[in-house]
Amino acid sequence: MNPTQYLPMRAKTILNAVNAPSMPFDWSINPYRGCQHGCSFCYARSTHAFLGEAADDAFQHRIFYKDDAPTILRAQLQRMRARGKLPSHVAIGTATDPYQQLEAKAKLTRGCLETLAEFGVGVSITTRSPLVLRDLDLLRALPGVSVNISVHTLDTRIWRTFEPSTPSPARRLECARTLTEAGIRVHAFAAPMLPLLTDGEADTEALVEALANAGVRYMMSSFLRLSTPEVKSWFFSVLRSAHPELAEAYGKLYWHSARLPDSYRRPVYSRIASQMKRYGLSEIGAMEVPKGDAAYVLGSVSGAAPPATAASPHLPTTASPLSSKVVDLPCQPVQLALF
């Protein structure tokens, strides 16, 4: 295994305007580029190329951190407040996990939360890590806070294959329970569901039941999207290694598109909607989840998914850290669903 390197990144701003129409928020913060979780399906993997890095395992083992992020954020918010343009809400962790392993020591996410609390700015956080519980004191102080816990399967074999360095599903469920009991609004992101692996009726039933038992009351689900060549290539390399029997089927599903056809997705979404209803879970509001693929969740856009007409969906026929600092290069928004 390659040793993980941590590289400081010089950033002029920490709060980033989001102009992509596929995103339901206006401002985001991502203290880290690259992610130690190493999820094989992560759409942000391709953004490593903007730093001149490969989109392979370098995404997991060459982690860039925005040095002095809280101080830069404070200065930015002061300027915005002086112009009367202080944001009311910020999304944290829209690309890489703000509570990945480095955060335990670097505390950049915590520092940003302290700064946002100082200015009274609301926050939503997306993470796979129970490390978010460390900052429960700040979450209680922030206005309009919510935490989105990503968990797409209870199968430990699939978890270890596709999310090699993430906390276990059981730990994430316990984290959701603790947050809920503390009065923090929790959303479950059942994403990305992997076709033919985690989207079976028994699989989704078990997940919905587990979320309900953990006290979660709001949920969304979204299928795997492979929206860039880099992400598709890496995911297929993992799939062929762990599940070679599925490589041909996935090739048919994703050969011509980044996402699954409606004929596959809609029956599954309809079934999950029924399962959620039985366990007392509600869909996340349309403005709280990404548009595009995720907007099909449980009929949250016009043209709700029709009832399933089949028992299962069908396939379509057709070393040491570097000492030099790296400039935070601008890049175009990546209009993809959040995981």
C-alpha atoms as a PDB file:
ATOM      1  CA  MET A   1       0.000   0.000   0.000  1.00  0.00           C
ATOM      2  CA  ASN A   2       1.267   3.469  -0.883  1.00  0.00           C
ATOM      3  CA  PRO A   3       2.072   5.705   2.107  1.00  0.00           C
ATOM      4  CA  THR A   4      -0.350   8.590   2.493  1.00  0.00           C
ATOM      5  CA  GLN A   5       1.060  12.042   1.868  1.00  0.00           C
ATOM      6  CA  TYR A   6      -0.443  15.244   3.254  1.00  0.00           C
ATOM      7  CA  LEU A   7       0.203  18.399   1.266  1.00  0.00           C
ATOM      8  CA  PRO A   8      -0.699  21.955   2.326  1.00  0.00           C
ATOM      9  CA  MET A   9      -2.656  23.925  -0.222  1.00  0.00           C
ATOM     10  CA  ARG A  10      -2.697  27.699  -0.419  1.00  0.00           C
ATOM     11  CA  ALA A  11      -6.265  28.936  -0.849  1.00  0.00           C
ATOM     12  CA  LYS A  12      -7.434  32.507  -1.392  1.00  0.00           C
ATOM     13  CA  THR A  13     -10.989  31.650  -0.388  1.00  0.00           C
ATOM     14  CA  ILE A  14     -12.641  28.811   1.503  1.00  0.00           C
ATOM     15  CA  LEU A  15     -16.296  29.583   0.859  1.00  0.00           C
ATOM     16  CA  ASN A  16     -17.061  28.737  -2.762  1.00  0.00           C
ATOM     17  CA  ALA A  17     -20.010  29.967  -4.800  1.00  0.00           C
ATOM     18  CA  VAL A  18     -21.906  27.125  -6.470  1.00  0.00           C
ATOM     19  CA  ASN A  19     -23.428  28.048  -9.798  1.00  0.00           C
ATOM     20  CA  ALA A  20     -24.158  24.556 -11.093  1.00  0.00           C
ATOM     21  CA  PRO A  21     -27.927  24.177 -11.616  1.00  0.00           C
ATOM     22  CA  SER A  22     -27.705  20.531 -10.542  1.00  0.00           C
ATOM     23  CA  MET A  23     -26.855  21.579  -6.988  1.00  0.00           C
ATOM     24  CA  PRO A  24     -29.500  22.808  -4.498  1.00  0.00           C
ATOM     25  CA  PHE A  25     -27.179  25.070  -2.510  1.00  0.00           C
ATOM     26  CA  ASP A  26     -25.382  28.337  -3.221  1.00  0.00           C
ATOM     27  CA  TRP A  27     -22.241  28.033  -1.099  1.00  0.00           C
ATOM     28  CA  SER A  28     -19.953  25.152  -0.210  1.00  0.00           C
ATOM     29  CA  ILE A  29     -16.854  24.400   1.827  1.00  0.00           C
ATOM     30  CA  ASN A  30     -14.447  21.525   1.182  1.00  0.00           C
ATOM     31  CA  PRO A  31     -11.397  21.745   3.457  1.00  0.00           C
ATOM     32  CA  TYR A  32      -9.713  18.782   1.745  1.00  0.00           C
ATOM     33  CA  ARG A  33      -8.938  17.701  -1.823  1.00  0.00           C
ATOM     34  CA  GLY A  34      -8.626  13.953  -2.158  1.00  0.00           C
ATOM     35  CA  CYS A  35     -10.160  11.611   0.389  1.00  0.00           C
ATOM     36  CA  GLN A  36      -8.643   8.912   2.569  1.00  0.00           C
ATOM     37  CA  HIS A  37     -11.893   6.945   2.466  1.00  0.00           C
ATOM     38  CA  GLY A  38     -11.011   5.816  -1.053  1.00  0.00           C
ATOM     39  CA  CYS A  39     -14.557   5.008  -2.184  1.00  0.00           C
ATOM     40  CA  SER A  40     -14.365   3.432  -5.626  1.00  0.00           C
ATOM     41  CA  PHE A  41     -17.446   5.302  -6.856  1.00  0.00           C
ATOM     42  CA  CYS A  42     -16.581   8.801  -5.617  1.00  0.00           C
ATOM     43  CA  TYR A  43     -17.374  11.371  -8.303  1.00  0.00           C
ATOM     44  CA  ALA A  44     -14.788  13.787  -6.871  1.00  0.00           C
ATOM     45  CA  ARG A  45     -11.977  11.433  -7.878  1.00  0.00           C
ATOM     46  CA  SER A  46     -11.786  13.112 -11.277  1.00  0.00           C
ATOM     47  CA  THR A  47     -11.174  16.528  -9.688  1.00  0.00           C
ATOM     48  CA  HIS A  48      -7.693  15.377  -8.659  1.00  0.00           C
ATOM     49  CA  ALA A  49      -6.735  15.916 -12.284  1.00  0.00           C
ATOM     50  CA  PHE A  50      -7.227  19.662 -11.777  1.00  0.00           C
ATOM     51  CA  LEU A  51      -4.296  19.509  -9.378  1.00  0.00           C
ATOM     52  CA  GLY A  52      -2.097  17.683 -11.859  1.00  0.00           C
ATOM     53  CA  GLU A  53      -2.637  14.425  -9.996  1.00  0.00           C
ATOM     54  CA  ALA A  54      -3.688  11.016 -11.242  1.00  0.00           C
ATOM     55  CA  ALA A  55      -7.267   9.940 -10.507  1.00  0.00           C
ATOM     56  CA  ASP A  56      -6.204   6.475  -9.370  1.00  0.00           C
ATOM     57  CA  ASP A  57      -5.233   5.594  -5.788  1.00  0.00           C
ATOM     58  CA  ALA A  58      -3.452   8.953  -5.575  1.00  0.00           C
ATOM     59  CA  PHE A  59      -6.904  10.337  -4.781  1.00  0.00           C
ATOM     60  CA  GLN A  60      -6.795   8.343  -1.534  1.00  0.00           C
ATOM     61  CA  HIS A  61      -3.105   8.664  -0.717  1.00  0.00           C
ATOM     62  CA  ARG A  62      -2.206  12.232  -1.730  1.00  0.00           C
ATOM     63  CA  ILE A  63      -4.403  14.443   0.420  1.00  0.00           C
ATOM     64  CA  PHE A  64      -4.338  18.209  -0.010  1.00  0.00           C
ATOM     65  CA  TYR A  65      -5.497  20.309   2.921  1.00  0.00           C
ATOM     66  CA  LYS A  66      -6.345  24.001   2.850  1.00  0.00           C
ATOM     67  CA  ASP A  67      -3.908  25.388   5.363  1.00  0.00           C
ATOM     68  CA  ASP A  68      -5.300  28.008   7.759  1.00  0.00           C
ATOM     69  CA  ALA A  69      -8.813  27.525   6.350  1.00  0.00           C
ATOM     70  CA  PRO A  70     -10.688  28.949   9.392  1.00  0.00           C
ATOM     71  CA  THR A  71      -8.719  32.211   9.284  1.00  0.00           C
ATOM     72  CA  ILE A  72      -9.265  32.617   5.550  1.00  0.00           C
ATOM     73  CA  LEU A  73     -12.963  31.846   5.988  1.00  0.00           C
ATOM     74  CA  ARG A  74     -13.329  34.430   8.762  1.00  0.00           C
ATOM     75  CA  ALA A  75     -11.808  37.155   6.583  1.00  0.00           C
ATOM     76  CA  GLN A  76     -14.049  36.159   3.695  1.00  0.00           C
ATOM     77  CA  LEU A  77     -17.189  36.260   5.851  1.00  0.00           C
ATOM     78  CA  GLN A  78     -16.203  39.635   7.262  1.00  0.00           C
ATOM     79  CA  ARG A  79     -15.975  41.057   3.749  1.00  0.00           C
ATOM     80  CA  MET A  80     -19.320  39.540   2.803  1.00  0.00           C
ATOM     81  CA  ARG A  81     -20.999  40.876   5.922  1.00  0.00           C
ATOM     82  CA  ALA A  82     -19.652  44.346   5.227  1.00  0.00           C
ATOM     83  CA  ARG A  83     -21.334  44.207   1.809  1.00  0.00           C
ATOM     84  CA  GLY A  84     -24.568  42.878   3.306  1.00  0.00           C
ATOM     85  CA  LYS A  85     -24.167  39.568   1.478  1.00  0.00           C
ATOM     86  CA  LEU A  86     -23.531  37.135   4.316  1.00  0.00           C
ATOM     87  CA  PRO A  87     -24.836  33.696   3.270  1.00  0.00           C
ATOM     88  CA  SER A  88     -27.593  32.143   5.354  1.00  0.00           C
ATOM     89  CA  HIS A  89     -26.518  28.561   4.737  1.00  0.00           C
ATOM     90  CA  VAL A  90     -23.410  26.651   3.675  1.00  0.00           C
ATOM     91  CA  ALA A  91     -22.974  23.011   2.592  1.00  0.00           C
ATOM     92  CA  ILE A  92     -19.842  21.288   3.898  1.00  0.00           C
ATOM     93  CA  GLY A  93     -18.463  18.106   2.367  1.00  0.00           C
ATOM     94  CA  THR A  94     -20.035  18.344  -1.070  1.00  0.00           C
ATOM     95  CA  ALA A  95     -16.976  16.808  -2.755  1.00  0.00           C
ATOM     96  CA  THR A  96     -14.745  15.010  -0.259  1.00  0.00           C
ATOM     97  CA  ASP A  97     -15.540  13.939   3.289  1.00  0.00           C
ATOM     98  CA  PRO A  98     -14.874  16.777   5.765  1.00  0.00           C
ATOM     99  CA  TYR A  99     -14.415  14.167   8.509  1.00  0.00           C
ATOM    100  CA  GLN A 100     -11.942  11.925   6.761  1.00  0.00           C
ATOM    101  CA  GLN A 101      -9.072  10.640   8.897  1.00  0.00           C
ATOM    102  CA  LEU A 102      -6.820  13.719   8.635  1.00  0.00           C
ATOM    103  CA  GLU A 103      -9.531  15.880  10.214  1.00  0.00           C
ATOM    104  CA  ALA A 104      -8.960  14.184  13.586  1.00  0.00           C
ATOM    105  CA  LYS A 105      -5.625  16.024  13.808  1.00  0.00           C
ATOM    106  CA  ALA A 106      -5.953  18.947  11.407  1.00  0.00           C
ATOM    107  CA  LYS A 107      -9.359  20.101  12.753  1.00  0.00           C
ATOM    108  CA  LEU A 108      -9.974  22.265   9.702  1.00  0.00           C
ATOM    109  CA  THR A 109     -13.639  21.336   9.547  1.00  0.00           C
ATOM    110  CA  ARG A 110     -14.062  22.102  13.234  1.00  0.00           C
ATOM    111  CA  GLY A 111     -12.340  25.450  12.780  1.00  0.00           C
ATOM    112  CA  CYS A 112     -14.662  26.312   9.893  1.00  0.00           C
ATOM    113  CA  LEU A 113     -17.698  25.351  11.997  1.00  0.00           C
ATOM    114  CA  GLU A 114     -16.476  27.611  14.815  1.00  0.00           C
ATOM    115  CA  THR A 115     -16.176  30.473  12.346  1.00  0.00           C
ATOM    116  CA  LEU A 116     -19.602  29.854  10.820  1.00  0.00           C
ATOM    117  CA  ALA A 117     -21.149  29.740  14.298  1.00  0.00           C
ATOM    118  CA  GLU A 118     -19.497  33.078  15.063  1.00  0.00           C
ATOM    119  CA  PHE A 119     -21.288  34.619  12.062  1.00  0.00           C
ATOM    120  CA  GLY A 120     -24.571  32.762  12.596  1.00  0.00           C
ATOM    121  CA  VAL A 121     -24.433  30.908   9.282  1.00  0.00           C
ATOM    122  CA  GLY A 122     -26.455  27.690   8.984  1.00  0.00           C
ATOM    123  CA  VAL A 123     -24.757  24.474   7.930  1.00  0.00           C
ATOM    124  CA  SER A 124     -25.450  21.112   6.359  1.00  0.00           C
ATOM    125  CA  ILE A 125     -22.728  18.458   6.530  1.00  0.00           C
ATOM    126  CA  THR A 126     -22.354  15.332   4.425  1.00  0.00           C
ATOM    127  CA  THR A 127     -20.141  12.590   5.849  1.00  0.00           C
ATOM    128  CA  ARG A 128     -19.593   8.882   6.322  1.00  0.00           C
ATOM    129  CA  SER A 129     -17.711   9.342   9.577  1.00  0.00           C
ATOM    130  CA  PRO A 130     -18.751   9.286  13.250  1.00  0.00           C
ATOM    131  CA  LEU A 131     -15.965  11.828  13.843  1.00  0.00           C
ATOM    132  CA  VAL A 132     -18.723  14.409  13.316  1.00  0.00           C
ATOM    133  CA  LEU A 133     -19.815  13.605  16.893  1.00  0.00           C
ATOM    134  CA  ARG A 134     -16.664  15.301  18.159  1.00  0.00           C
ATOM    135  CA  ASP A 135     -18.215  18.598  17.071  1.00  0.00           C
ATOM    136  CA  LEU A 136     -21.614  18.050  18.654  1.00  0.00           C
ATOM    137  CA  ASP A 137     -21.140  21.150  20.806  1.00  0.00           C
ATOM    138  CA  LEU A 138     -20.861  23.298  17.678  1.00  0.00           C
ATOM    139  CA  LEU A 139     -23.695  21.548  15.870  1.00  0.00           C
ATOM    140  CA  ARG A 140     -25.997  22.420  18.764  1.00  0.00           C
ATOM    141  CA  ALA A 141     -24.939  26.085  18.507  1.00  0.00           C
ATOM    142  CA  LEU A 142     -25.345  26.470  14.746  1.00  0.00           C
ATOM    143  CA  PRO A 143     -28.655  27.644  13.240  1.00  0.00           C
ATOM    144  CA  GLY A 144     -30.541  25.334  10.912  1.00  0.00           C
ATOM    145  CA  VAL A 145     -27.979  22.541  11.088  1.00  0.00           C
ATOM    146  CA  SER A 146     -28.415  19.134   9.500  1.00  0.00           C
ATOM    147  CA  VAL A 147     -26.104  16.169   9.039  1.00  0.00           C
ATOM    148  CA  ASN A 148     -26.343  13.888   6.027  1.00  0.00           C
ATOM    149  CA  ILE A 149     -25.053  10.408   6.833  1.00  0.00           C
ATOM    150  CA  SER A 150     -24.164   8.387   3.748  1.00  0.00           C
ATOM    151  CA  VAL A 151     -24.799   4.649   4.063  1.00  0.00           C
ATOM    152  CA  HIS A 152     -25.864   2.572   1.089  1.00  0.00           C
ATOM    153  CA  THR A 153     -25.543  -1.019   2.302  1.00  0.00           C
ATOM    154  CA  LEU A 154     -25.378  -3.177   5.425  1.00  0.00           C
ATOM    155  CA  ASP A 155     -23.394  -5.879   3.620  1.00  0.00           C
ATOM    156  CA  THR A 156     -19.927  -5.768   5.144  1.00  0.00           C
ATOM    157  CA  ARG A 157     -18.348  -7.545   2.185  1.00  0.00           C
ATOM    158  CA  ILE A 158     -19.648  -4.960  -0.287  1.00  0.00           C
ATOM    159  CA  TRP A 159     -18.746  -2.154   2.125  1.00  0.00           C
ATOM    160  CA  ARG A 160     -15.125  -3.290   2.379  1.00  0.00           C
ATOM    161  CA  THR A 161     -14.838  -3.791  -1.367  1.00  0.00           C
ATOM    162  CA  PHE A 162     -16.138  -0.436  -2.523  1.00  0.00           C
ATOM    163  CA  GLU A 163     -15.479   1.790   0.525  1.00  0.00           C
ATOM    164  CA  PRO A 164     -12.176   0.362   1.784  1.00  0.00           C
ATOM    165  CA  SER A 165     -11.295   2.921   4.459  1.00  0.00           C
ATOM    166  CA  THR A 166     -14.653   4.204   5.662  1.00  0.00           C
ATOM    167  CA  PRO A 167     -16.216   3.567   9.082  1.00  0.00           C
ATOM    168  CA  SER A 168     -18.520   0.556   9.088  1.00  0.00           C
ATOM    169  CA  PRO A 169     -22.238   0.857   8.322  1.00  0.00           C
ATOM    170  CA  ALA A 170     -22.963  -0.122  11.930  1.00  0.00           C
ATOM    171  CA  ARG A 171     -20.892   2.789  13.242  1.00  0.00           C
ATOM    172  CA  ARG A 172     -22.632   5.203  10.892  1.00  0.00           C
ATOM    173  CA  LEU A 173     -26.038   4.015  12.070  1.00  0.00           C
ATOM    174  CA  GLU A 174     -24.978   4.498  15.680  1.00  0.00           C
ATOM    175  CA  CYS A 175     -23.705   7.962  14.773  1.00  0.00           C
ATOM    176  CA  ALA A 176     -27.097   8.794  13.263  1.00  0.00           C
ATOM    177  CA  ARG A 177     -28.805   7.616  16.448  1.00  0.00           C
ATOM    178  CA  THR A 178     -26.560   9.752  18.655  1.00  0.00           C
ATOM    179  CA  LEU A 179     -27.086  12.847  16.532  1.00  0.00           C
ATOM    180  CA  THR A 180     -30.841  12.358  16.490  1.00  0.00           C
ATOM    181  CA  GLU A 181     -30.972  11.895  20.234  1.00  0.00           C
ATOM    182  CA  ALA A 182     -28.981  15.125  20.579  1.00  0.00           C
ATOM    183  CA  GLY A 183     -31.648  16.986  18.632  1.00  0.00           C
ATOM    184  CA  ILE A 184     -29.710  17.277  15.362  1.00  0.00           C
ATOM    185  CA  ARG A 185     -31.699  16.763  12.170  1.00  0.00           C
ATOM    186  CA  VAL A 186     -30.280  13.733  10.369  1.00  0.00           C
ATOM    187  CA  HIS A 187     -30.765  12.809   6.728  1.00  0.00           C
ATOM    188  CA  ALA A 188     -29.750   9.394   5.431  1.00  0.00           C
ATOM    189  CA  PHE A 189     -28.239   9.326   1.965  1.00  0.00           C
ATOM    190  CA  ALA A 190     -28.659   5.751   0.679  1.00  0.00           C
ATOM    191  CA  ALA A 191     -26.224   6.439  -2.100  1.00  0.00           C
ATOM    192  CA  PRO A 192     -24.901   5.283  -4.327  1.00  0.00           C
ATOM    193  CA  MET A 193     -26.968   2.140  -4.643  1.00  0.00           C
ATOM    194  CA  LEU A 194     -25.072  -0.375  -6.738  1.00  0.00           C
ATOM    195  CA  PRO A 195     -27.214  -2.196  -9.309  1.00  0.00           C
ATOM    196  CA  LEU A 196     -27.337  -5.966  -8.882  1.00  0.00           C
ATOM    197  CA  LEU A 197     -25.407  -5.656  -5.612  1.00  0.00           C
ATOM    198  CA  THR A 198     -27.242  -3.463  -3.097  1.00  0.00           C
ATOM    199  CA  ASP A 199     -30.590  -2.738  -4.742  1.00  0.00           C
ATOM    200  CA  GLY A 200     -32.355  -6.058  -4.144  1.00  0.00           C
ATOM    201  CA  GLU A 201     -35.659  -6.007  -2.273  1.00  0.00           C
ATOM    202  CA  ALA A 202     -34.229  -7.661   0.836  1.00  0.00           C
ATOM    203  CA  ASP A 203     -31.205  -5.331   0.806  1.00  0.00           C
ATOM    204  CA  THR A 204     -33.178  -2.109   0.654  1.00  0.00           C
ATOM    205  CA  GLU A 205     -35.724  -3.417   3.169  1.00  0.00           C
ATOM    206  CA  ALA A 206     -32.951  -4.178   5.668  1.00  0.00           C
ATOM    207  CA  LEU A 207     -31.372  -0.763   5.168  1.00  0.00           C
ATOM    208  CA  VAL A 208     -34.616   1.159   5.585  1.00  0.00           C
ATOM    209  CA  GLU A 209     -35.455  -0.845   8.698  1.00  0.00           C
ATOM    210  CA  ALA A 210     -31.987  -0.232  10.183  1.00  0.00           C
ATOM    211  CA  LEU A 211     -32.257   3.503   9.538  1.00  0.00           C
ATOM    212  CA  ALA A 212     -35.686   3.633  11.161  1.00  0.00           C
ATOM    213  CA  ASN A 213     -34.389   1.711  14.180  1.00  0.00           C
ATOM    214  CA  ALA A 214     -31.562   4.265  14.471  1.00  0.00           C
ATOM    215  CA  GLY A 215     -34.110   7.051  14.749  1.00  0.00           C
ATOM    216  CA  VAL A 216     -33.645   8.419  11.233  1.00  0.00           C
ATOM    217  CA  ARG A 217     -36.805   9.949   9.813  1.00  0.00           C
ATOM    218  CA  TYR A 218     -35.582  11.471   6.547  1.00  0.00           C
ATOM    219  CA  MET A 219     -33.963   9.640   3.669  1.00  0.00           C
ATOM    220  CA  MET A 220     -33.084   9.807  -0.006  1.00  0.00           C
ATOM    221  CA  SER A 221     -31.669   7.169  -2.330  1.00  0.00           C
ATOM    222  CA  SER A 222     -29.736   7.489  -5.546  1.00  0.00           C
ATOM    223  CA  PHE A 223     -28.127   5.017  -7.918  1.00  0.00           C
ATOM    224  CA  LEU A 224     -24.496   4.887  -8.923  1.00  0.00           C
ATOM    225  CA  ARG A 225     -23.443   7.472 -11.480  1.00  0.00           C
ATOM    226  CA  LEU A 226     -20.225   7.203 -13.463  1.00  0.00           C
ATOM    227  CA  SER A 227     -20.057  10.681 -14.893  1.00  0.00           C
ATOM    228  CA  THR A 228     -16.424  10.988 -15.923  1.00  0.00           C
ATOM    229  CA  PRO A 229     -13.979   8.630 -17.641  1.00  0.00           C
ATOM    230  CA  GLU A 230     -11.700   8.678 -14.596  1.00  0.00           C
ATOM    231  CA  VAL A 231     -14.450   7.610 -12.212  1.00  0.00           C
ATOM    232  CA  LYS A 232     -15.791   4.978 -14.598  1.00  0.00           C
ATOM    233  CA  SER A 233     -12.356   3.492 -15.198  1.00  0.00           C
ATOM    234  CA  TRP A 234     -11.503   3.226 -11.506  1.00  0.00           C
ATOM    235  CA  PHE A 235     -14.878   1.798 -10.531  1.00  0.00           C
ATOM    236  CA  PHE A 236     -14.739  -0.870 -13.233  1.00  0.00           C
ATOM    237  CA  SER A 237     -11.247  -1.894 -12.147  1.00  0.00           C
ATOM    238  CA  VAL A 238     -12.587  -2.536  -8.641  1.00  0.00           C
ATOM    239  CA  LEU A 239     -15.707  -4.268  -9.946  1.00  0.00           C
ATOM    240  CA  ARG A 240     -13.752  -6.602 -12.238  1.00  0.00           C
ATOM    241  CA  SER A 241     -11.471  -7.568  -9.377  1.00  0.00           C
ATOM    242  CA  ALA A 242     -14.210  -8.251  -6.821  1.00  0.00           C
ATOM    243  CA  HIS A 243     -17.173  -9.227  -9.011  1.00  0.00           C
ATOM    244  CA  PRO A 244     -15.961 -10.272 -12.465  1.00  0.00           C
ATOM    245  CA  GLU A 245     -19.284 -11.977 -13.085  1.00  0.00           C
ATOM    246  CA  LEU A 246     -20.982  -8.552 -13.110  1.00  0.00           C
ATOM    247  CA  ALA A 247     -18.567  -6.735 -15.411  1.00  0.00           C
ATOM    248  CA  GLU A 248     -20.535  -7.518 -18.586  1.00  0.00           C
ATOM    249  CA  ALA A 249     -23.871  -6.554 -17.024  1.00  0.00           C
ATOM    250  CA  TYR A 250     -22.465  -3.225 -15.785  1.00  0.00           C
ATOM    251  CA  GLY A 251     -20.944  -2.640 -19.192  1.00  0.00           C
ATOM    252  CA  LYS A 252     -24.400  -2.890 -20.754  1.00  0.00           C
ATOM    253  CA  LEU A 253     -25.914  -0.629 -18.106  1.00  0.00           C
ATOM    254  CA  TYR A 254     -23.297   2.140 -18.263  1.00  0.00           C
ATOM    255  CA  TRP A 255     -21.798   1.840 -21.735  1.00  0.00           C
ATOM    256  CA  HIS A 256     -23.730   4.720 -23.271  1.00  0.00           C
ATOM    257  CA  SER A 257     -24.601   6.773 -20.201  1.00  0.00           C
ATOM    258  CA  ALA A 258     -23.330   7.947 -16.844  1.00  0.00           C
ATOM    259  CA  ARG A 259     -26.481   6.719 -15.135  1.00  0.00           C
ATOM    260  CA  LEU A 260     -28.920   3.852 -15.290  1.00  0.00           C
ATOM    261  CA  PRO A 261     -31.911   3.969 -17.622  1.00  0.00           C
ATOM    262  CA  ASP A 262     -35.257   4.986 -16.175  1.00  0.00           C
ATOM    263  CA  SER A 263     -36.616   1.506 -16.806  1.00  0.00           C
ATOM    264  CA  TYR A 264     -34.166   0.202 -14.212  1.00  0.00           C
ATOM    265  CA  ARG A 265     -34.257   2.994 -11.657  1.00  0.00           C
ATOM    266  CA  ARG A 266     -37.917   3.872 -11.358  1.00  0.00           C
ATOM    267  CA  PRO A 267     -39.260   0.494 -10.169  1.00  0.00           C
ATOM    268  CA  VAL A 268     -36.586   0.374  -7.461  1.00  0.00           C
ATOM    269  CA  TYR A 269     -37.349   3.912  -6.297  1.00  0.00           C
ATOM    270  CA  SER A 270     -41.031   3.045  -6.172  1.00  0.00           C
ATOM    271  CA  ARG A 271     -40.351  -0.023  -4.070  1.00  0.00           C
ATOM    272  CA  ILE A 272     -38.113   1.920  -1.678  1.00  0.00           C
ATOM    273  CA  ALA A 273     -40.848   4.537  -1.317  1.00  0.00           C
ATOM    274  CA  SER A 274     -43.229   1.807  -0.162  1.00  0.00           C
ATOM    275  CA  GLN A 275     -40.664   0.434   2.256  1.00  0.00           C
ATOM    276  CA  MET A 276     -40.019   3.880   3.696  1.00  0.00           C
ATOM    277  CA  LYS A 277     -43.720   4.439   4.209  1.00  0.00           C
ATOM    278  CA  ARG A 278     -44.030   1.193   6.158  1.00  0.00           C
ATOM    279  CA  TYR A 279     -41.175   2.207   8.473  1.00  0.00           C
ATOM    280  CA  GLY A 280     -42.234   5.816   8.925  1.00  0.00           C
ATOM    281  CA  LEU A 281     -39.475   7.514   6.935  1.00  0.00           C
ATOM    282  CA  SER A 282     -40.099  10.607   4.825  1.00  0.00           C
ATOM    283  CA  GLU A 283     -38.321  11.745   1.708  1.00  0.00           C
ATOM    284  CA  ILE A 284     -35.921  14.634   2.063  1.00  0.00           C
ATOM    285  CA  GLY A 285     -37.350  17.882   0.732  1.00  0.00           C
ATOM    286  CA  ALA A 286     -36.647  18.678  -2.894  1.00  0.00           C
ATOM    287  CA  MET A 287     -34.393  21.620  -1.939  1.00  0.00           C
ATOM    288  CA  GLU A 288     -32.289  19.498   0.401  1.00  0.00           C
ATOM    289  CA  VAL A 289     -31.001  16.961  -2.111  1.00  0.00           C
ATOM    290  CA  PRO A 290     -29.254  17.242  -5.470  1.00  0.00           C
ATOM    291  CA  LYS A 291     -31.327  17.702  -8.569  1.00  0.00           C
ATOM    292  CA  GLY A 292     -30.957  15.423 -11.557  1.00  0.00           C
ATOM    293  CA  ASP A 293     -30.830  11.723 -10.762  1.00  0.00           C
ATOM    294  CA  ALA A 294     -31.486  12.182  -7.062  1.00  0.00           C
ATOM    295  CA  ALA A 295     -34.558  14.266  -7.790  1.00  0.00           C
ATOM    296  CA  TYR A 296     -36.317  11.132  -8.978  1.00  0.00           C
ATOM    297  CA  VAL A 297     -36.219   9.845  -5.433  1.00  0.00           C
ATOM    298  CA  LEU A 298     -39.686   8.855  -4.364  1.00  0.00           C
ATOM    299  CA  GLY A 299     -41.413  11.044  -6.926  1.00  0.00           C
ATOM    300  CA  SER A 300     -39.952  14.310  -5.659  1.00  0.00           C
ATOM    301  CA  VAL A 301     -40.130  15.735  -9.166  1.00  0.00           C
ATOM    302  CA  SER A 302     -42.940  15.776 -11.638  1.00  0.00           C
ATOM    303  CA  GLY A 303     -43.498  12.462 -13.294  1.00  0.00           C
ATOM    304  CA  ALA A 304     -43.194  10.230 -10.248  1.00  0.00           C
ATOM    305  CA  ALA A 305     -41.907   6.754 -10.677  1.00  0.00           C
ATOM    306  CA  PRO A 306     -44.586   4.285 -11.691  1.00  0.00           C
ATOM    307  CA  PRO A 307     -45.208   1.212  -9.579  1.00  0.00           C
ATOM    308  CA  ALA A 308     -42.862  -1.676 -10.130  1.00  0.00           C
ATOM    309  CA  THR A 309     -44.223  -4.252 -12.507  1.00  0.00           C
ATOM    310  CA  ALA A 310     -41.586  -6.917 -12.070  1.00  0.00           C
ATOM    311  CA  ALA A 311     -39.958  -8.693  -9.181  1.00  0.00           C
ATOM    312  CA  SER A 312     -36.559  -7.306 -10.124  1.00  0.00           C
ATOM    313  CA  PRO A 313     -35.219  -4.697 -12.572  1.00  0.00           C
ATOM    314  CA  HIS A 314     -34.022  -5.876 -15.959  1.00  0.00           C
ATOM    315  CA  LEU A 315     -30.921  -5.091 -17.915  1.00  0.00           C
ATOM    316  CA  PRO A 316     -31.310  -3.039 -21.082  1.00  0.00           C
ATOM    317  CA  THR A 317     -30.889  -4.941 -24.303  1.00  0.00           C
ATOM    318  CA  THR A 318     -29.467  -2.443 -26.648  1.00  0.00           C
ATOM    319  CA  ALA A 319       6.322   8.310   0.780  1.00  0.00           C
ATOM    320  CA  SER A 320       6.914  11.545   2.896  1.00  0.00           C
ATOM    321  CA  PRO A 321       4.872  14.717   2.563  1.00  0.00           C
ATOM    322  CA  LEU A 322       6.079  17.353   0.135  1.00  0.00           C
ATOM    323  CA  SER A 323       7.196  20.589   1.663  1.00  0.00           C
ATOM    324  CA  SER A 324       6.188  22.890  -1.181  1.00  0.00           C
ATOM    325  CA  LYS A 325       2.731  24.412  -1.159  1.00  0.00           C
ATOM    326  CA  VAL A 326       0.255  23.914  -3.977  1.00  0.00           C
ATOM    327  CA  VAL A 327      -1.916  26.679  -5.364  1.00  0.00           C
ATOM    328  CA  ASP A 328      -5.669  26.012  -5.124  1.00  0.00           C
ATOM    329  CA  LEU A 329      -6.435  26.035  -8.832  1.00  0.00           C
ATOM    330  CA  PRO A 330      -9.874  27.119 -10.045  1.00  0.00           C
ATOM    331  CA  CYS A 331     -11.971  24.506 -11.767  1.00  0.00           C
ATOM    332  CA  GLN A 332     -15.378  24.260 -13.358  1.00  0.00           C
ATOM    333  CA  PRO A 333     -18.242  22.905 -11.244  1.00  0.00           C
ATOM    334  CA  VAL A 334     -18.763  19.178 -11.558  1.00  0.00           C
ATOM    335  CA  GLN A 335     -22.506  18.733 -12.018  1.00  0.00           C
ATOM    336  CA  LEU A 336     -22.948  15.349 -10.438  1.00  0.00           C
ATOM    337  CA  ALA A 337     -25.157  13.817  -7.775  1.00  0.00           C
ATOM    338  CA  LEU A 338     -23.782  13.865  -4.246  1.00  0.00           C
ATOM    339  CA  PHE A 339     -22.737  10.630  -2.569  1.00  0.00           C
END
